[in-house]
PDB file of N, CA and C in Angstrom:
ATOM      1  N   MET A   1      93.820 115.546 115.993  1.00  0.00           N
ATOM      2  CA  MET A   1      93.166 116.317 117.023  1.00  0.00           C
ATOM      3  C   MET A   1      91.833 115.683 117.365  1.00  0.00           C
ATOM      4  N   GLY A   2      91.366 115.870 118.515  1.00  0.00           N
ATOM      5  CA  GLY A   2      90.030 115.432 118.895  1.00  0.00           C
ATOM      6  C   GLY A   2      89.891 113.938 119.125  1.00  0.00           C
ATOM      7  N   HIS A   3      88.696 113.532 119.406  1.00  0.00           N
ATOM      8  CA  HIS A   3      88.387 112.135 119.742  1.00  0.00           C
ATOM      9  C   HIS A   3      87.129 111.741 118.974  1.00  0.00           C
ATOM     10  N   ARG A   4      87.261 111.481 117.675  1.00  0.00           N
ATOM     11  CA  ARG A   4      86.097 111.218 116.840  1.00  0.00           C
ATOM     12  C   ARG A   4      86.052 109.799 116.285  1.00  0.00           C
ATOM     13  N   HIS A   5      87.179 109.109 116.213  1.00  0.00           N
ATOM     14  CA  HIS A   5      87.249 107.763 115.641  1.00  0.00           C
ATOM     15  C   HIS A   5      86.909 107.742 114.153  1.00  0.00           C
ATOM     16  N   VAL A   6      86.935 108.905 113.490  1.00  0.00           N
ATOM     17  CA  VAL A   6      86.599 109.011 112.080  1.00  0.00           C
ATOM     18  C   VAL A   6      87.609 109.933 111.400  1.00  0.00           C
ATOM     19  N   PRO A   7      88.246 109.484 110.311  1.00  0.00           N
ATOM     20  CA  PRO A   7      89.165 110.374 109.602  1.00  0.00           C
ATOM     21  C   PRO A   7      88.414 111.529 108.946  1.00  0.00           C
ATOM     22  N   HIS A   8      88.907 112.725 109.129  1.00  0.00           N
ATOM     23  CA  HIS A   8      88.244 113.915 108.611  1.00  0.00           C
ATOM     24  C   HIS A   8      89.255 115.050 108.582  1.00  0.00           C
ATOM     25  N   CYS A   9      89.060 116.025 107.705  1.00  0.00           N
ATOM     26  CA  CYS A   9      89.947 117.181 107.676  1.00  0.00           C
ATOM     27  C   CYS A   9      89.223 118.390 107.132  1.00  0.00           C
ATOM     28  N   TRP A  10      89.735 119.549 107.469  1.00  0.00           N
ATOM     29  CA  TRP A  10      89.255 120.792 106.884  1.00  0.00           C
ATOM     30  C   TRP A  10      90.355 121.826 106.987  1.00  0.00           C
ATOM     31  N   THR A  11      90.220 122.898 106.200  1.00  0.00           N
ATOM     32  CA  THR A  11      91.202 123.979 106.193  1.00  0.00           C
ATOM     33  C   THR A  11      90.511 125.272 106.602  1.00  0.00           C
ATOM     34  N   LEU A  12      91.157 126.007 107.500  1.00  0.00           N
ATOM     35  CA  LEU A  12      90.638 127.278 107.981  1.00  0.00           C
ATOM     36  C   LEU A  12      91.778 128.284 108.001  1.00  0.00           C
ATOM     37  N   ASN A  13      91.641 129.363 107.240  1.00  0.00           N
ATOM     38  CA  ASN A  13      92.662 130.420 107.181  1.00  0.00           C
ATOM     39  C   ASN A  13      94.058 129.877 106.900  1.00  0.00           C
ATOM     40  N   GLY A  14      94.146 128.921 105.976  1.00  0.00           N
ATOM     41  CA  GLY A  14      95.442 128.395 105.573  1.00  0.00           C
ATOM     42  C   GLY A  14      95.999 127.294 106.446  1.00  0.00           C
ATOM     43  N   THR A  15      95.303 126.929 107.510  1.00  0.00           N
ATOM     44  CA  THR A  15      95.747 125.850 108.393  1.00  0.00           C
ATOM     45  C   THR A  15      94.867 124.626 108.164  1.00  0.00           C
ATOM     46  N   THR A  16      95.496 123.473 107.989  1.00  0.00           N
ATOM     47  CA  THR A  16      94.753 122.226 107.789  1.00  0.00           C
ATOM     48  C   THR A  16      94.644 121.494 109.120  1.00  0.00           C
ATOM     49  N   PHE A  17      93.427 121.165 109.504  1.00  0.00           N
ATOM     50  CA  PHE A  17      93.147 120.419 110.734  1.00  0.00           C
ATOM     51  C   PHE A  17      92.776 118.996 110.343  1.00  0.00           C
ATOM     52  N   LEU A  18      93.353 118.023 111.045  1.00  0.00           N
ATOM     53  CA  LEU A  18      93.128 116.611 110.724  1.00  0.00           C
ATOM     54  C   LEU A  18      92.599 115.842 111.928  1.00  0.00           C
ATOM     55  N   TYR A  19      91.601 115.041 111.686  1.00  0.00           N
ATOM     56  CA  TYR A  19      91.201 113.991 112.620  1.00  0.00           C
ATOM     57  C   TYR A  19      91.705 112.690 112.029  1.00  0.00           C
ATOM     58  N   CYS A  20      92.091 111.777 112.866  1.00  0.00           N
ATOM     59  CA  CYS A  20      92.414 110.443 112.361  1.00  0.00           C
ATOM     60  C   CYS A  20      91.377 109.476 112.915  1.00  0.00           C
ATOM     61  N   GLY A  21      91.318 108.316 112.309  1.00  0.00           N
ATOM     62  CA  GLY A  21      90.430 107.281 112.814  1.00  0.00           C
ATOM     63  C   GLY A  21      91.044 106.688 114.077  1.00  0.00           C
ATOM     64  N   THR A  22      90.519 105.582 114.503  1.00  0.00           N
ATOM     65  CA  THR A  22      91.086 104.857 115.631  1.00  0.00           C
ATOM     66  C   THR A  22      91.782 103.631 115.066  1.00  0.00           C
ATOM     67  N   SER A  23      93.023 103.426 115.420  1.00  0.00           N
ATOM     68  CA  SER A  23      93.800 102.378 114.759  1.00  0.00           C
ATOM     69  C   SER A  23      93.534 100.977 115.291  1.00  0.00           C
ATOM     70  N   THR A  24      93.075 100.844 116.525  1.00  0.00           N
ATOM     71  CA  THR A  24      92.917  99.500 117.080  1.00  0.00           C
ATOM     72  C   THR A  24      91.527  99.206 117.625  1.00  0.00           C
ATOM     73  N   SER A  25      90.726 100.215 117.847  1.00  0.00           N
ATOM     74  CA  SER A  25      89.405 100.002 118.428  1.00  0.00           C
ATOM     75  C   SER A  25      88.405  99.600 117.351  1.00  0.00           C
ATOM     76  N   THR A  26      87.431  98.797 117.728  1.00  0.00           N
ATOM     77  CA  THR A  26      86.341  98.466 116.808  1.00  0.00           C
ATOM     78  C   THR A  26      85.152  99.395 117.038  1.00  0.00           C
ATOM     79  N   LYS A  27      85.319 100.379 117.910  1.00  0.00           N
ATOM     80  CA  LYS A  27      84.265 101.361 118.177  1.00  0.00           C
ATOM     81  C   LYS A  27      84.377 102.469 117.125  1.00  0.00           C
ATOM     82  N   VAL A  28      83.846 102.170 115.943  1.00  0.00           N
ATOM     83  CA  VAL A  28      83.929 103.086 114.807  1.00  0.00           C
ATOM     84  C   VAL A  28      82.527 103.395 114.308  1.00  0.00           C
ATOM     85  N   ARG A  29      82.427 104.381 113.425  1.00  0.00           N
ATOM     86  CA  ARG A  29      81.140 104.733 112.829  1.00  0.00           C
ATOM     87  C   ARG A  29      80.715 103.665 111.827  1.00  0.00           C
ATOM     88  N   VAL A  30      79.456 103.725 111.452  1.00  0.00           N
ATOM     89  CA  VAL A  30      78.886 102.766 110.508  1.00  0.00           C
ATOM     90  C   VAL A  30      79.715 102.748 109.225  1.00  0.00           C
ATOM     91  N   ASN A  31      80.028 101.565 108.728  1.00  0.00           N
ATOM     92  CA  ASN A  31      80.759 101.351 107.475  1.00  0.00           C
ATOM     93  C   ASN A  31      82.185 101.903 107.480  1.00  0.00           C
ATOM     94  N   GLU A  32      82.753 102.212 108.618  1.00  0.00           N
ATOM     95  CA  GLU A  32      84.142 102.647 108.718  1.00  0.00           C
ATOM     96  C   GLU A  32      84.957 101.500 109.307  1.00  0.00           C
ATOM     97  N   SER A  33      86.220 101.455 108.956  1.00  0.00           N
ATOM     98  CA  SER A  33      87.134 100.463 109.523  1.00  0.00           C
ATOM     99  C   SER A  33      88.111 101.172 110.440  1.00  0.00           C
ATOM    100  N   PRO A  34      88.726 100.451 111.368  1.00  0.00           N
ATOM    101  CA  PRO A  34      89.797 101.069 112.147  1.00  0.00           C
ATOM    102  C   PRO A  34      90.874 101.586 111.186  1.00  0.00           C
ATOM    103  N   SER A  35      91.429 102.755 111.465  1.00  0.00           N
ATOM    104  CA  SER A  35      92.385 103.341 110.531  1.00  0.00           C
ATOM    105  C   SER A  35      93.324 104.307 111.250  1.00  0.00           C
ATOM    106  N   PHE A  36      94.340 104.713 110.517  1.00  0.00           N
ATOM    107  CA  PHE A  36      95.244 105.769 110.976  1.00  0.00           C
ATOM    108  C   PHE A  36      95.635 106.599 109.765  1.00  0.00           C
ATOM    109  N   ASN A  37      96.172 107.787 110.012  1.00  0.00           N
ATOM    110  CA  ASN A  37      96.565 108.678 108.917  1.00  0.00           C
ATOM    111  C   ASN A  37      98.048 108.516 108.608  1.00  0.00           C
ATOM    112  N   TYR A  38      98.372 108.474 107.328  1.00  0.00           N
ATOM    113  CA  TYR A  38      99.756 108.520 106.851  1.00  0.00           C
ATOM    114  C   TYR A  38      99.946 109.918 106.271  1.00  0.00           C
ATOM    115  N   ILE A  39     100.841 110.705 106.863  1.00  0.00           N
ATOM    116  CA  ILE A  39     101.027 112.103 106.490  1.00  0.00           C
ATOM    117  C   ILE A  39     102.385 112.279 105.833  1.00  0.00           C
ATOM    118  N   HIS A  40     102.375 112.880 104.644  1.00  0.00           N
ATOM    119  CA  HIS A  40     103.619 113.190 103.943  1.00  0.00           C
ATOM    120  C   HIS A  40     103.638 114.685 103.647  1.00  0.00           C
ATOM    121  N   MET A  41     104.669 115.381 104.160  1.00  0.00           N
ATOM    122  CA  MET A  41     104.813 116.817 103.939  1.00  0.00           C
ATOM    123  C   MET A  41     106.141 117.081 103.256  1.00  0.00           C
ATOM    124  N   ASP A  42     106.103 117.969 102.255  1.00  0.00           N
ATOM    125  CA  ASP A  42     107.312 118.329 101.520  1.00  0.00           C
ATOM    126  C   ASP A  42     107.168 119.779 101.081  1.00  0.00           C
ATOM    127  N   ASP A  43     107.917 120.681 101.692  1.00  0.00           N
ATOM    128  CA  ASP A  43     107.827 122.115 101.420  1.00  0.00           C
ATOM    129  C   ASP A  43     106.370 122.579 101.547  1.00  0.00           C
ATOM    130  N   TYR A  44     105.733 122.954 100.433  1.00  0.00           N
ATOM    131  CA  TYR A  44     104.363 123.458 100.464  1.00  0.00           C
ATOM    132  C   TYR A  44     103.332 122.404 100.098  1.00  0.00           C
ATOM    133  N   GLU A  45     103.717 121.154 100.067  1.00  0.00           N
ATOM    134  CA  GLU A  45     102.800 120.086  99.686  1.00  0.00           C
ATOM    135  C   GLU A  45     102.481 119.201 100.878  1.00  0.00           C
ATOM    136  N   LEU A  46     101.192 118.887 101.043  1.00  0.00           N
ATOM    137  CA  LEU A  46     100.730 118.008 102.110  1.00  0.00           C
ATOM    138  C   LEU A  46      99.859 116.933 101.490  1.00  0.00           C
ATOM    139  N   ASN A  47     100.195 115.682 101.714  1.00  0.00           N
ATOM    140  CA  ASN A  47      99.388 114.545 101.274  1.00  0.00           C
ATOM    141  C   ASN A  47      99.064 113.711 102.497  1.00  0.00           C
ATOM    142  N   VAL A  48      97.777 113.428 102.681  1.00  0.00           N
ATOM    143  CA  VAL A  48      97.348 112.595 103.805  1.00  0.00           C
ATOM    144  C   VAL A  48      96.528 111.442 103.245  1.00  0.00           C
ATOM    145  N   ASP A  49      96.910 110.238 103.619  1.00  0.00           N
ATOM    146  CA  ASP A  49      96.170 109.036 103.240  1.00  0.00           C
ATOM    147  C   ASP A  49      95.601 108.394 104.492  1.00  0.00           C
ATOM    148  N   ILE A  50      94.409 107.818 104.353  1.00  0.00           N
ATOM    149  CA  ILE A  50      93.826 107.003 105.415  1.00  0.00           C
ATOM    150  C   ILE A  50      94.298 105.581 105.177  1.00  0.00           C
ATOM    151  N   VAL A  51      94.861 104.948 106.197  1.00  0.00           N
ATOM    152  CA  VAL A  51      95.323 103.573 106.082  1.00  0.00           C
ATOM    153  C   VAL A  51      94.409 102.680 106.911  1.00  0.00           C
ATOM    154  N   ASN A  52      93.785 101.724 106.258  1.00  0.00           N
ATOM    155  CA  ASN A  52      92.925 100.755 106.934  1.00  0.00           C
ATOM    156  C   ASN A  52      93.803  99.875 107.817  1.00  0.00           C
ATOM    157  N   SER A  53      93.539  99.844 109.112  1.00  0.00           N
ATOM    158  CA  SER A  53      94.365  99.075 110.053  1.00  0.00           C
ATOM    159  C   SER A  53      94.285  97.570 109.831  1.00  0.00           C
ATOM    160  N   LEU A  54      93.206  97.096 109.232  1.00  0.00           N
ATOM    161  CA  LEU A  54      93.036  95.660 109.023  1.00  0.00           C
ATOM    162  C   LEU A  54      93.713  95.175 107.747  1.00  0.00           C
ATOM    163  N   SER A  55      93.550  95.934 106.651  1.00  0.00           N
ATOM    164  CA  SER A  55      94.086  95.497 105.359  1.00  0.00           C
ATOM    165  C   SER A  55      95.346  96.251 104.938  1.00  0.00           C
ATOM    166  N   LEU A  56      95.645  97.369 105.611  1.00  0.00           N
ATOM    167  CA  LEU A  56      96.758  98.270 105.283  1.00  0.00           C
ATOM    168  C   LEU A  56      96.600  98.935 103.909  1.00  0.00           C
ATOM    169  N   GLU A  57      95.385  98.940 103.377  1.00  0.00           N
ATOM    170  CA  GLU A  57      95.113  99.647 102.124  1.00  0.00           C
ATOM    171  C   GLU A  57      95.029 101.140 102.399  1.00  0.00           C
ATOM    172  N   LYS A  58      95.548 101.939 101.447  1.00  0.00           N
ATOM    173  CA  LYS A  58      95.540 103.391 101.584  1.00  0.00           C
ATOM    174  C   LYS A  58      94.426 103.999 100.741  1.00  0.00           C
ATOM    175  N   GLU A  59      93.826 105.067 101.271  1.00  0.00           N
ATOM    176  CA  GLU A  59      92.802 105.831 100.559  1.00  0.00           C
ATOM    177  C   GLU A  59      93.123 107.310 100.767  1.00  0.00           C
ATOM    178  N   PRO A  60      93.186 108.100  99.711  1.00  0.00           N
ATOM    179  CA  PRO A  60      93.519 109.515  99.875  1.00  0.00           C
ATOM    180  C   PRO A  60      92.468 110.263 100.691  1.00  0.00           C
ATOM    181  N   LEU A  61      92.937 111.155 101.566  1.00  0.00           N
ATOM    182  CA  LEU A  61      92.050 112.005 102.351  1.00  0.00           C
ATOM    183  C   LEU A  61      92.138 113.459 101.882  1.00  0.00           C
ATOM    184  N   ILE A  62      93.363 113.968 101.738  1.00  0.00           N
ATOM    185  CA  ILE A  62      93.547 115.351 101.297  1.00  0.00           C
ATOM    186  C   ILE A  62      94.849 115.467 100.519  1.00  0.00           C
ATOM    187  N   ARG A  63      94.825 116.315  99.520  1.00  0.00           N
ATOM    188  CA  ARG A  63      96.017 116.698  98.758  1.00  0.00           C
ATOM    189  C   ARG A  63      96.064 118.216  98.793  1.00  0.00           C
ATOM    190  N   ARG A  64      97.122 118.773  99.358  1.00  0.00           N
ATOM    191  CA  ARG A  64      97.208 120.226  99.495  1.00  0.00           C
ATOM    192  C   ARG A  64      98.544 120.733  98.968  1.00  0.00           C
ATOM    193  N   THR A  65      98.473 121.745  98.104  1.00  0.00           N
ATOM    194  CA  THR A  65      99.666 122.450  97.642  1.00  0.00           C
ATOM    195  C   THR A  65      99.528 123.903  98.083  1.00  0.00           C
ATOM    196  N   LYS A  66     100.526 124.691  97.767  1.00  0.00           N
ATOM    197  CA  LYS A  66     100.482 126.106  98.135  1.00  0.00           C
ATOM    198  C   LYS A  66      99.294 126.809  97.477  1.00  0.00           C
ATOM    199  N   GLU A  67      98.925 126.383  96.274  1.00  0.00           N
ATOM    200  CA  GLU A  67      97.862 127.032  95.514  1.00  0.00           C
ATOM    201  C   GLU A  67      96.491 126.373  95.646  1.00  0.00           C
ATOM    202  N   ASN A  68      96.435 125.111  96.056  1.00  0.00           N
ATOM    203  CA  ASN A  68      95.193 124.358  95.939  1.00  0.00           C
ATOM    204  C   ASN A  68      95.015 123.388  97.105  1.00  0.00           C
ATOM    205  N   VAL A  69      93.774 123.236  97.541  1.00  0.00           N
ATOM    206  CA  VAL A  69      93.421 122.214  98.529  1.00  0.00           C
ATOM    207  C   VAL A  69      92.371 121.314  97.899  1.00  0.00           C
ATOM    208  N   GLN A  70      92.648 120.025  97.865  1.00  0.00           N
ATOM    209  CA  GLN A  70      91.710 119.056  97.296  1.00  0.00           C
ATOM    210  C   GLN A  70      91.327 118.068  98.384  1.00  0.00           C
ATOM    211  N   PHE A  71      90.084 118.134  98.823  1.00  0.00           N
ATOM    212  CA  PHE A  71      89.573 117.162  99.776  1.00  0.00           C
ATOM    213  C   PHE A  71      89.114 115.961  98.984  1.00  0.00           C
ATOM    214  N   VAL A  72      89.804 114.866  99.125  1.00  0.00           N
ATOM    215  CA  VAL A  72      89.548 113.701  98.288  1.00  0.00           C
ATOM    216  C   VAL A  72      88.393 112.874  98.831  1.00  0.00           C
ATOM    217  N   LYS A  73      88.367 112.680 100.139  1.00  0.00           N
ATOM    218  CA  LYS A  73      87.306 111.869 100.735  1.00  0.00           C
ATOM    219  C   LYS A  73      86.227 112.778 101.305  1.00  0.00           C
ATOM    220  N   TYR A  74      85.044 112.674 100.752  1.00  0.00           N
ATOM    221  CA  TYR A  74      83.903 113.442 101.239  1.00  0.00           C
ATOM    222  C   TYR A  74      83.480 112.897 102.587  1.00  0.00           C
ATOM    223  N   ARG A  75      83.225 113.755 103.528  1.00  0.00           N
ATOM    224  CA  ARG A  75      82.788 113.345 104.864  1.00  0.00           C
ATOM    225  C   ARG A  75      81.269 113.372 104.929  1.00  0.00           C
ATOM    226  N   ASN A  76      80.672 112.212 105.044  1.00  0.00           N
ATOM    227  CA  ASN A  76      79.216 112.128 105.142  1.00  0.00           C
ATOM    228  C   ASN A  76      78.740 112.667 106.489  1.00  0.00           C
ATOM    229  N   THR A  77      77.507 113.144 106.499  1.00  0.00           N
ATOM    230  CA  THR A  77      76.898 113.504 107.770  1.00  0.00           C
ATOM    231  C   THR A  77      76.521 112.215 108.502  1.00  0.00           C
ATOM    232  N   ARG A  78      76.230 112.322 109.761  1.00  0.00           N
ATOM    233  CA  ARG A  78      75.878 111.146 110.567  1.00  0.00           C
ATOM    234  C   ARG A  78      74.664 110.415 109.990  1.00  0.00           C
ATOM    235  N   ILE A  79      73.645 111.145 109.569  1.00  0.00           N
ATOM    236  CA  ILE A  79      72.446 110.494 109.029  1.00  0.00           C
ATOM    237  C   ILE A  79      72.758 109.776 107.719  1.00  0.00           C
ATOM    238  N   GLU A  80      73.664 110.326 106.891  1.00  0.00           N
ATOM    239  CA  GLU A  80      74.057 109.641 105.656  1.00  0.00           C
ATOM    240  C   GLU A  80      74.755 108.324 105.973  1.00  0.00           C
ATOM    241  N   HIS A  81      75.586 108.300 107.025  1.00  0.00           N
ATOM    242  CA  HIS A  81      76.235 107.056 107.447  1.00  0.00           C
ATOM    243  C   HIS A  81      75.197 106.010 107.846  1.00  0.00           C
ATOM    244  N   ILE A  82      74.219 106.433 108.615  1.00  0.00           N
ATOM    245  CA  ILE A  82      73.197 105.493 109.105  1.00  0.00           C
ATOM    246  C   ILE A  82      72.374 104.946 107.935  1.00  0.00           C
ATOM    247  N   LEU A  83      71.961 105.825 107.027  1.00  0.00           N
ATOM    248  CA  LEU A  83      71.122 105.392 105.918  1.00  0.00           C
ATOM    249  C   LEU A  83      71.851 104.453 104.961  1.00  0.00           C
ATOM    250  N   LYS A  84      73.178 104.555 104.866  1.00  0.00           N
ATOM    251  CA  LYS A  84      73.954 103.696 103.977  1.00  0.00           C
ATOM    252  C   LYS A  84      74.498 102.462 104.684  1.00  0.00           C
ATOM    253  N   ALA A  85      74.149 102.266 105.936  1.00  0.00           N
ATOM    254  CA  ALA A  85      74.668 101.156 106.723  1.00  0.00           C
ATOM    255  C   ALA A  85      74.313  99.818 106.095  1.00  0.00           C
ATOM    256  N   LYS A  86      75.265  98.909 106.148  1.00  0.00           N
ATOM    257  CA  LYS A  86      75.043  97.567 105.591  1.00  0.00           C
ATOM    258  C   LYS A  86      73.895  96.851 106.284  1.00  0.00           C
ATOM    259  N   ILE A  87      73.681  97.149 107.560  1.00  0.00           N
ATOM    260  CA  ILE A  87      72.613  96.466 108.290  1.00  0.00           C
ATOM    261  C   ILE A  87      71.225  96.912 107.820  1.00  0.00           C
ATOM    262  N   LEU A  88      71.155  98.077 107.145  1.00  0.00           N
ATOM    263  CA  LEU A  88      69.875  98.541 106.622  1.00  0.00           C
ATOM    264  C   LEU A  88      69.650  98.144 105.174  1.00  0.00           C
ATOM    265  N   SER A  89      70.662  97.570 104.532  1.00  0.00           N
ATOM    266  CA  SER A  89      70.548  97.203 103.113  1.00  0.00           C
ATOM    267  C   SER A  89      69.748  95.933 102.926  1.00  0.00           C
TER     268      SER A  89
END
């Protein structure tokens, strides 16, 4: 959903909302790579991985079961992204 170019997710009233990155554009946030989401659903289980479009490496984004939601990748605020930018190191 949306047009953010950044993988992100949250759950509201039992519904999980997902943003995916941009798979081919280089117009991404600081320290992010182009990416897409790999979604696996099985009954009451939802697993979403972020796949780096350049290296095809997977990184977990969310693991959700009927009883539990685990947000694996913490979403930094915009200022945290800027402060951790490689160009500022």
